[in-house]
Amino acid sequence: MIRLNMARENDWIYNRDGTKCHSDLFCSVIDKINLALQQAVIQYQIIQKDYNEFDVYLVIDEEEEMDMVQRLFLENYEKYQKKSRFHFFFVNCLYPSEKTGKLAWFISNAKEKNI
């Protein structure tokens, strides 16, 4: 097992109890959805609004797959962390930042707690 000790500050998912985990776990969740639904998710962005609250923006291939994508996302995320709330938004396209020219797939607005 490899343990990640360093990352950019905005790459961490902060938990209310002061612990944190790397946002790459969302990549794993999306990979599992795409494996199950043959590449249904084209683009995504996840914004951590608070410790256990997230906005999930998704661009998907087929509108009929919305419910299944949400269900698979929740099922797969719950394997990593419990008691989080997700608000899903299905959009036509996600655009990169005008400043950087890059699309940040994860943004945390929660702050690290010193325990």
N, C-alpha and C. Protein backbone atom coordinates (compact mmCIF):
# COMPACT_ATOMS: atom_id res chain seq x y z
N MET A 1 0.85 -1.17 0.00
CA MET A 1 0.00 0.00 0.00
C MET A 1 0.90 1.24 0.00
N ILE A 2 0.50 2.23 -0.78
CA ILE A 2 1.21 3.50 -0.84
C ILE A 2 0.37 4.52 -0.08
N ARG A 3 1.00 5.28 0.78
CA ARG A 3 0.30 6.32 1.53
C ARG A 3 0.75 7.68 1.03
N LEU A 4 -0.19 8.51 0.60
CA LEU A 4 0.11 9.83 0.08
C LEU A 4 0.16 10.80 1.25
N ASN A 5 1.29 11.47 1.42
CA ASN A 5 1.45 12.41 2.52
C ASN A 5 1.44 13.86 2.08
N MET A 6 1.66 14.10 0.80
CA MET A 6 1.71 15.47 0.32
C MET A 6 0.83 15.60 -0.92
N ALA A 7 0.23 16.76 -1.05
CA ALA A 7 -0.56 17.08 -2.23
C ALA A 7 -0.86 18.57 -2.17
N ARG A 8 -1.36 19.11 -3.28
CA ARG A 8 -1.80 20.50 -3.23
C ARG A 8 -2.93 20.60 -2.22
N GLU A 9 -3.02 21.71 -1.54
CA GLU A 9 -4.03 21.86 -0.49
C GLU A 9 -5.45 21.64 -1.00
N ASN A 10 -5.73 22.06 -2.23
CA ASN A 10 -7.09 21.91 -2.75
C ASN A 10 -7.37 20.49 -3.24
N ASP A 11 -6.43 19.57 -3.12
CA ASP A 11 -6.65 18.17 -3.51
C ASP A 11 -7.17 17.31 -2.37
N TRP A 12 -7.29 17.86 -1.19
CA TRP A 12 -7.72 17.09 -0.03
C TRP A 12 -9.21 17.24 0.21
N ILE A 13 -9.84 16.14 0.61
CA ILE A 13 -11.20 16.15 1.11
C ILE A 13 -11.07 16.24 2.63
N TYR A 14 -11.56 17.33 3.20
CA TYR A 14 -11.45 17.54 4.64
C TYR A 14 -12.69 17.02 5.34
N ASN A 15 -12.47 16.34 6.45
CA ASN A 15 -13.55 15.79 7.25
C ASN A 15 -13.71 16.60 8.53
N ARG A 16 -14.91 16.60 9.07
CA ARG A 16 -15.23 17.37 10.27
C ARG A 16 -14.34 17.00 11.45
N ASP A 17 -13.93 15.74 11.54
CA ASP A 17 -13.12 15.29 12.68
C ASP A 17 -11.64 15.66 12.54
N GLY A 18 -11.31 16.39 11.48
CA GLY A 18 -9.92 16.82 11.29
C GLY A 18 -9.11 15.91 10.38
N THR A 19 -9.64 14.75 10.05
CA THR A 19 -8.94 13.87 9.13
C THR A 19 -9.15 14.35 7.70
N LYS A 20 -8.34 13.84 6.81
CA LYS A 20 -8.49 14.20 5.41
C LYS A 20 -8.10 13.00 4.56
N CYS A 21 -8.61 12.98 3.34
CA CYS A 21 -8.21 11.95 2.39
C CYS A 21 -8.06 12.63 1.03
N HIS A 22 -7.33 11.98 0.16
CA HIS A 22 -7.05 12.57 -1.14
C HIS A 22 -8.27 12.48 -2.05
N SER A 23 -8.47 13.50 -2.83
CA SER A 23 -9.64 13.57 -3.71
C SER A 23 -9.58 12.56 -4.85
N ASP A 24 -8.47 11.88 -5.03
CA ASP A 24 -8.39 10.85 -6.07
C ASP A 24 -9.42 9.75 -5.88
N LEU A 25 -9.96 9.62 -4.69
CA LEU A 25 -10.98 8.59 -4.51
C LEU A 25 -12.18 8.84 -5.40
N PHE A 26 -12.44 10.11 -5.75
CA PHE A 26 -13.52 10.40 -6.69
C PHE A 26 -13.20 9.86 -8.09
N CYS A 27 -11.92 9.87 -8.46
CA CYS A 27 -11.53 9.29 -9.75
C CYS A 27 -11.91 7.81 -9.79
N SER A 28 -11.67 7.13 -8.69
CA SER A 28 -12.01 5.71 -8.60
C SER A 28 -13.52 5.51 -8.73
N VAL A 29 -14.29 6.37 -8.10
CA VAL A 29 -15.76 6.29 -8.19
C VAL A 29 -16.21 6.48 -9.63
N ILE A 30 -15.69 7.48 -10.31
CA ILE A 30 -16.06 7.74 -11.71
C ILE A 30 -15.60 6.60 -12.61
N ASP A 31 -14.41 6.07 -12.35
CA ASP A 31 -13.92 4.92 -13.13
C ASP A 31 -14.86 3.73 -13.00
N LYS A 32 -15.38 3.49 -11.81
CA LYS A 32 -16.31 2.36 -11.61
C LYS A 32 -17.63 2.59 -12.33
N ILE A 33 -18.10 3.83 -12.32
CA ILE A 33 -19.33 4.15 -13.07
C ILE A 33 -19.09 3.92 -14.56
N ASN A 34 -17.98 4.41 -15.06
CA ASN A 34 -17.69 4.27 -16.50
C ASN A 34 -17.47 2.81 -16.89
N LEU A 35 -16.94 2.03 -16.01
CA LEU A 35 -16.79 0.60 -16.28
C LEU A 35 -18.15 -0.08 -16.36
N ALA A 36 -19.03 0.27 -15.44
CA ALA A 36 -20.36 -0.35 -15.40
C ALA A 36 -21.26 0.13 -16.55
N LEU A 37 -21.12 1.38 -16.94
CA LEU A 37 -22.02 1.96 -17.94
C LEU A 37 -21.33 2.32 -19.26
N GLN A 38 -20.21 1.71 -19.51
CA GLN A 38 -19.49 1.90 -20.77
C GLN A 38 -19.24 3.37 -21.10
N GLN A 39 -18.47 4.01 -20.21
CA GLN A 39 -18.02 5.40 -20.40
C GLN A 39 -19.17 6.40 -20.43
N ALA A 40 -20.08 6.30 -19.47
CA ALA A 40 -21.23 7.21 -19.41
C ALA A 40 -20.83 8.64 -19.02
N VAL A 41 -19.83 8.78 -18.14
CA VAL A 41 -19.44 10.10 -17.66
C VAL A 41 -18.34 10.66 -18.56
N ILE A 42 -18.63 11.78 -19.20
CA ILE A 42 -17.70 12.41 -20.13
C ILE A 42 -16.81 13.41 -19.40
N GLN A 43 -17.42 14.23 -18.55
CA GLN A 43 -16.71 15.22 -17.74
C GLN A 43 -17.35 15.26 -16.37
N TYR A 44 -16.55 15.69 -15.38
CA TYR A 44 -17.11 15.87 -14.05
C TYR A 44 -16.31 16.89 -13.26
N GLN A 45 -17.00 17.49 -12.31
CA GLN A 45 -16.36 18.39 -11.36
C GLN A 45 -17.08 18.24 -10.04
N ILE A 46 -16.31 18.11 -8.98
CA ILE A 46 -16.88 17.92 -7.65
C ILE A 46 -16.39 19.06 -6.77
N ILE A 47 -17.33 19.74 -6.13
CA ILE A 47 -17.00 20.86 -5.26
C ILE A 47 -17.42 20.51 -3.84
N GLN A 48 -16.45 20.50 -2.94
CA GLN A 48 -16.75 20.25 -1.53
C GLN A 48 -17.20 21.58 -0.93
N LYS A 49 -18.49 21.68 -0.60
CA LYS A 49 -19.04 22.92 -0.07
C LYS A 49 -18.81 23.03 1.43
N ASP A 50 -18.86 21.91 2.12
CA ASP A 50 -18.64 21.84 3.56
C ASP A 50 -18.08 20.45 3.83
N TYR A 51 -17.83 20.15 5.08
CA TYR A 51 -17.15 18.89 5.40
C TYR A 51 -17.80 17.67 4.77
N ASN A 52 -19.11 17.55 4.85
CA ASN A 52 -19.78 16.37 4.31
C ASN A 52 -20.80 16.73 3.25
N GLU A 53 -20.58 17.82 2.54
CA GLU A 53 -21.53 18.25 1.52
C GLU A 53 -20.80 18.58 0.23
N PHE A 54 -21.28 18.00 -0.86
CA PHE A 54 -20.61 18.12 -2.15
C PHE A 54 -21.62 18.44 -3.25
N ASP A 55 -21.19 19.28 -4.18
CA ASP A 55 -21.92 19.48 -5.44
C ASP A 55 -21.19 18.67 -6.49
N VAL A 56 -21.93 17.88 -7.25
CA VAL A 56 -21.34 17.03 -8.28
C VAL A 56 -21.91 17.44 -9.62
N TYR A 57 -21.05 17.98 -10.48
CA TYR A 57 -21.44 18.39 -11.83
C TYR A 57 -20.99 17.31 -12.80
N LEU A 58 -21.93 16.83 -13.60
CA LEU A 58 -21.65 15.72 -14.50
C LEU A 58 -22.12 16.01 -15.91
N VAL A 59 -21.28 15.66 -16.86
CA VAL A 59 -21.66 15.63 -18.27
C VAL A 59 -21.69 14.16 -18.62
N ILE A 60 -22.87 13.67 -19.03
CA ILE A 60 -22.99 12.24 -19.33
C ILE A 60 -23.41 12.05 -20.78
N ASP A 61 -23.17 10.84 -21.24
CA ASP A 61 -23.42 10.49 -22.64
C ASP A 61 -24.91 10.39 -22.95
N GLU A 62 -25.66 9.75 -22.07
CA GLU A 62 -27.09 9.50 -22.32
C GLU A 62 -27.92 10.03 -21.15
N GLU A 63 -28.87 10.90 -21.45
CA GLU A 63 -29.73 11.48 -20.42
C GLU A 63 -30.48 10.41 -19.62
N GLU A 64 -30.79 9.30 -20.26
CA GLU A 64 -31.54 8.23 -19.59
C GLU A 64 -30.73 7.58 -18.46
N GLU A 65 -29.44 7.82 -18.44
CA GLU A 65 -28.57 7.19 -17.43
C GLU A 65 -28.41 8.02 -16.16
N MET A 66 -29.09 9.16 -16.06
CA MET A 66 -28.93 10.04 -14.91
C MET A 66 -29.14 9.32 -13.58
N ASP A 67 -30.26 8.63 -13.45
CA ASP A 67 -30.57 7.95 -12.19
C ASP A 67 -29.54 6.88 -11.86
N MET A 68 -29.13 6.12 -12.86
CA MET A 68 -28.16 5.06 -12.65
C MET A 68 -26.79 5.63 -12.26
N VAL A 69 -26.39 6.72 -12.90
CA VAL A 69 -25.12 7.36 -12.58
C VAL A 69 -25.13 7.83 -11.12
N GLN A 70 -26.21 8.46 -10.71
CA GLN A 70 -26.32 8.92 -9.31
C GLN A 70 -26.25 7.74 -8.34
N ARG A 71 -26.99 6.70 -8.63
CA ARG A 71 -27.02 5.53 -7.74
C ARG A 71 -25.63 4.90 -7.63
N LEU A 72 -24.97 4.71 -8.76
CA LEU A 72 -23.63 4.11 -8.74
C LEU A 72 -22.62 5.01 -8.04
N PHE A 73 -22.74 6.31 -8.23
CA PHE A 73 -21.84 7.25 -7.54
C PHE A 73 -21.98 7.08 -6.03
N LEU A 74 -23.21 7.12 -5.54
CA LEU A 74 -23.44 7.01 -4.09
C LEU A 74 -22.99 5.66 -3.55
N GLU A 75 -23.30 4.60 -4.25
CA GLU A 75 -22.90 3.26 -3.80
C GLU A 75 -21.38 3.15 -3.71
N ASN A 76 -20.69 3.61 -4.72
CA ASN A 76 -19.23 3.48 -4.74
C ASN A 76 -18.55 4.44 -3.77
N TYR A 77 -19.09 5.63 -3.58
CA TYR A 77 -18.47 6.56 -2.64
C TYR A 77 -18.64 6.07 -1.20
N GLU A 78 -19.79 5.50 -0.90
CA GLU A 78 -20.05 5.02 0.46
C GLU A 78 -19.06 3.95 0.90
N LYS A 79 -18.42 3.29 -0.05
CA LYS A 79 -17.40 2.31 0.30
C LYS A 79 -16.18 2.99 0.91
N TYR A 80 -15.98 4.26 0.59
CA TYR A 80 -14.82 5.00 1.09
C TYR A 80 -15.15 5.84 2.32
N GLN A 81 -16.25 6.55 2.27
CA GLN A 81 -16.61 7.46 3.36
C GLN A 81 -18.12 7.42 3.55
N LYS A 82 -18.52 7.60 4.78
CA LYS A 82 -19.95 7.56 5.11
C LYS A 82 -20.48 8.96 5.38
N LYS A 83 -21.79 9.06 5.38
CA LYS A 83 -22.51 10.24 5.83
C LYS A 83 -22.19 11.53 5.08
N SER A 84 -22.12 11.45 3.79
CA SER A 84 -21.94 12.65 2.98
C SER A 84 -23.21 12.93 2.20
N ARG A 85 -23.46 14.20 1.91
CA ARG A 85 -24.61 14.60 1.10
C ARG A 85 -24.10 15.09 -0.24
N PHE A 86 -24.75 14.65 -1.30
CA PHE A 86 -24.36 15.03 -2.65
C PHE A 86 -25.55 15.68 -3.35
N HIS A 87 -25.25 16.77 -4.05
CA HIS A 87 -26.23 17.44 -4.88
C HIS A 87 -25.74 17.28 -6.32
N PHE A 88 -26.53 16.61 -7.13
CA PHE A 88 -26.13 16.30 -8.50
C PHE A 88 -26.70 17.32 -9.48
N PHE A 89 -25.83 17.76 -10.39
CA PHE A 89 -26.21 18.69 -11.44
C PHE A 89 -25.71 18.11 -12.77
N PHE A 90 -26.65 17.85 -13.67
CA PHE A 90 -26.28 17.34 -14.99
C PHE A 90 -26.26 18.52 -15.96
N VAL A 91 -25.11 18.73 -16.57
CA VAL A 91 -24.91 19.88 -17.45
C VAL A 91 -24.44 19.41 -18.82
N ASN A 92 -24.49 20.30 -19.79
CA ASN A 92 -24.08 19.95 -21.16
C ASN A 92 -22.57 19.97 -21.35
N CYS A 93 -21.88 20.83 -20.60
CA CYS A 93 -20.43 20.95 -20.76
C CYS A 93 -19.86 21.64 -19.53
N LEU A 94 -18.64 21.29 -19.19
CA LEU A 94 -17.90 21.98 -18.14
C LEU A 94 -16.75 22.72 -18.81
N TYR A 95 -16.57 23.97 -18.45
CA TYR A 95 -15.58 24.81 -19.10
C TYR A 95 -14.38 25.06 -18.19
N PRO A 96 -13.20 25.12 -18.77
CA PRO A 96 -12.01 25.40 -17.96
C PRO A 96 -12.00 26.84 -17.47
N SER A 97 -11.21 27.09 -16.47
CA SER A 97 -11.02 28.43 -15.93
C SER A 97 -10.41 29.33 -17.00
N GLU A 98 -10.93 30.54 -17.13
CA GLU A 98 -10.35 31.49 -18.08
C GLU A 98 -8.94 31.87 -17.65
N LYS A 99 -8.71 31.89 -16.37
CA LYS A 99 -7.40 32.29 -15.83
C LYS A 99 -6.32 31.25 -16.11
N THR A 100 -6.64 29.97 -15.87
CA THR A 100 -5.62 28.92 -16.00
C THR A 100 -5.73 28.12 -17.28
N GLY A 101 -6.93 28.11 -17.87
CA GLY A 101 -7.15 27.28 -19.05
C GLY A 101 -7.34 25.81 -18.70
N LYS A 102 -7.47 25.52 -17.40
CA LYS A 102 -7.64 24.13 -16.94
C LYS A 102 -8.97 23.97 -16.22
N LEU A 103 -9.51 22.76 -16.29
CA LEU A 103 -10.73 22.43 -15.57
C LEU A 103 -10.34 21.71 -14.30
N ALA A 104 -10.59 22.32 -13.16
CA ALA A 104 -10.32 21.67 -11.88
C ALA A 104 -11.43 20.66 -11.64
N TRP A 105 -11.09 19.40 -11.58
CA TRP A 105 -12.14 18.38 -11.41
C TRP A 105 -12.55 18.25 -9.94
N PHE A 106 -11.74 18.78 -9.01
CA PHE A 106 -12.11 18.79 -7.60
C PHE A 106 -11.71 20.12 -6.98
N ILE A 107 -12.64 20.71 -6.22
CA ILE A 107 -12.38 21.96 -5.51
C ILE A 107 -12.92 21.79 -4.09
N SER A 108 -12.11 22.10 -3.10
CA SER A 108 -12.57 22.03 -1.72
C SER A 108 -12.71 23.43 -1.16
N ASN A 109 -13.90 23.71 -0.65
CA ASN A 109 -14.14 24.97 0.05
C ASN A 109 -14.18 24.75 1.56
N ALA A 110 -13.91 23.53 1.99
CA ALA A 110 -13.83 23.23 3.42
C ALA A 110 -12.41 23.54 3.88
N LYS A 111 -12.27 23.82 5.12
CA LYS A 111 -10.95 24.15 5.67
C LYS A 111 -10.47 23.03 6.58
N GLU A 112 -9.15 22.87 6.60
CA GLU A 112 -8.55 21.87 7.46
C GLU A 112 -8.69 22.31 8.91
N LYS A 113 -9.08 21.36 9.76
CA LYS A 113 -9.19 21.63 11.18
C LYS A 113 -7.95 21.11 11.89
N ASN A 114 -7.49 21.86 12.82
CA ASN A 114 -6.39 21.38 13.68
C ASN A 114 -7.00 20.74 14.90
N ILE A 115 -6.75 19.43 15.06
CA ILE A 115 -7.35 18.74 16.21
C ILE A 115 -6.28 18.41 17.22
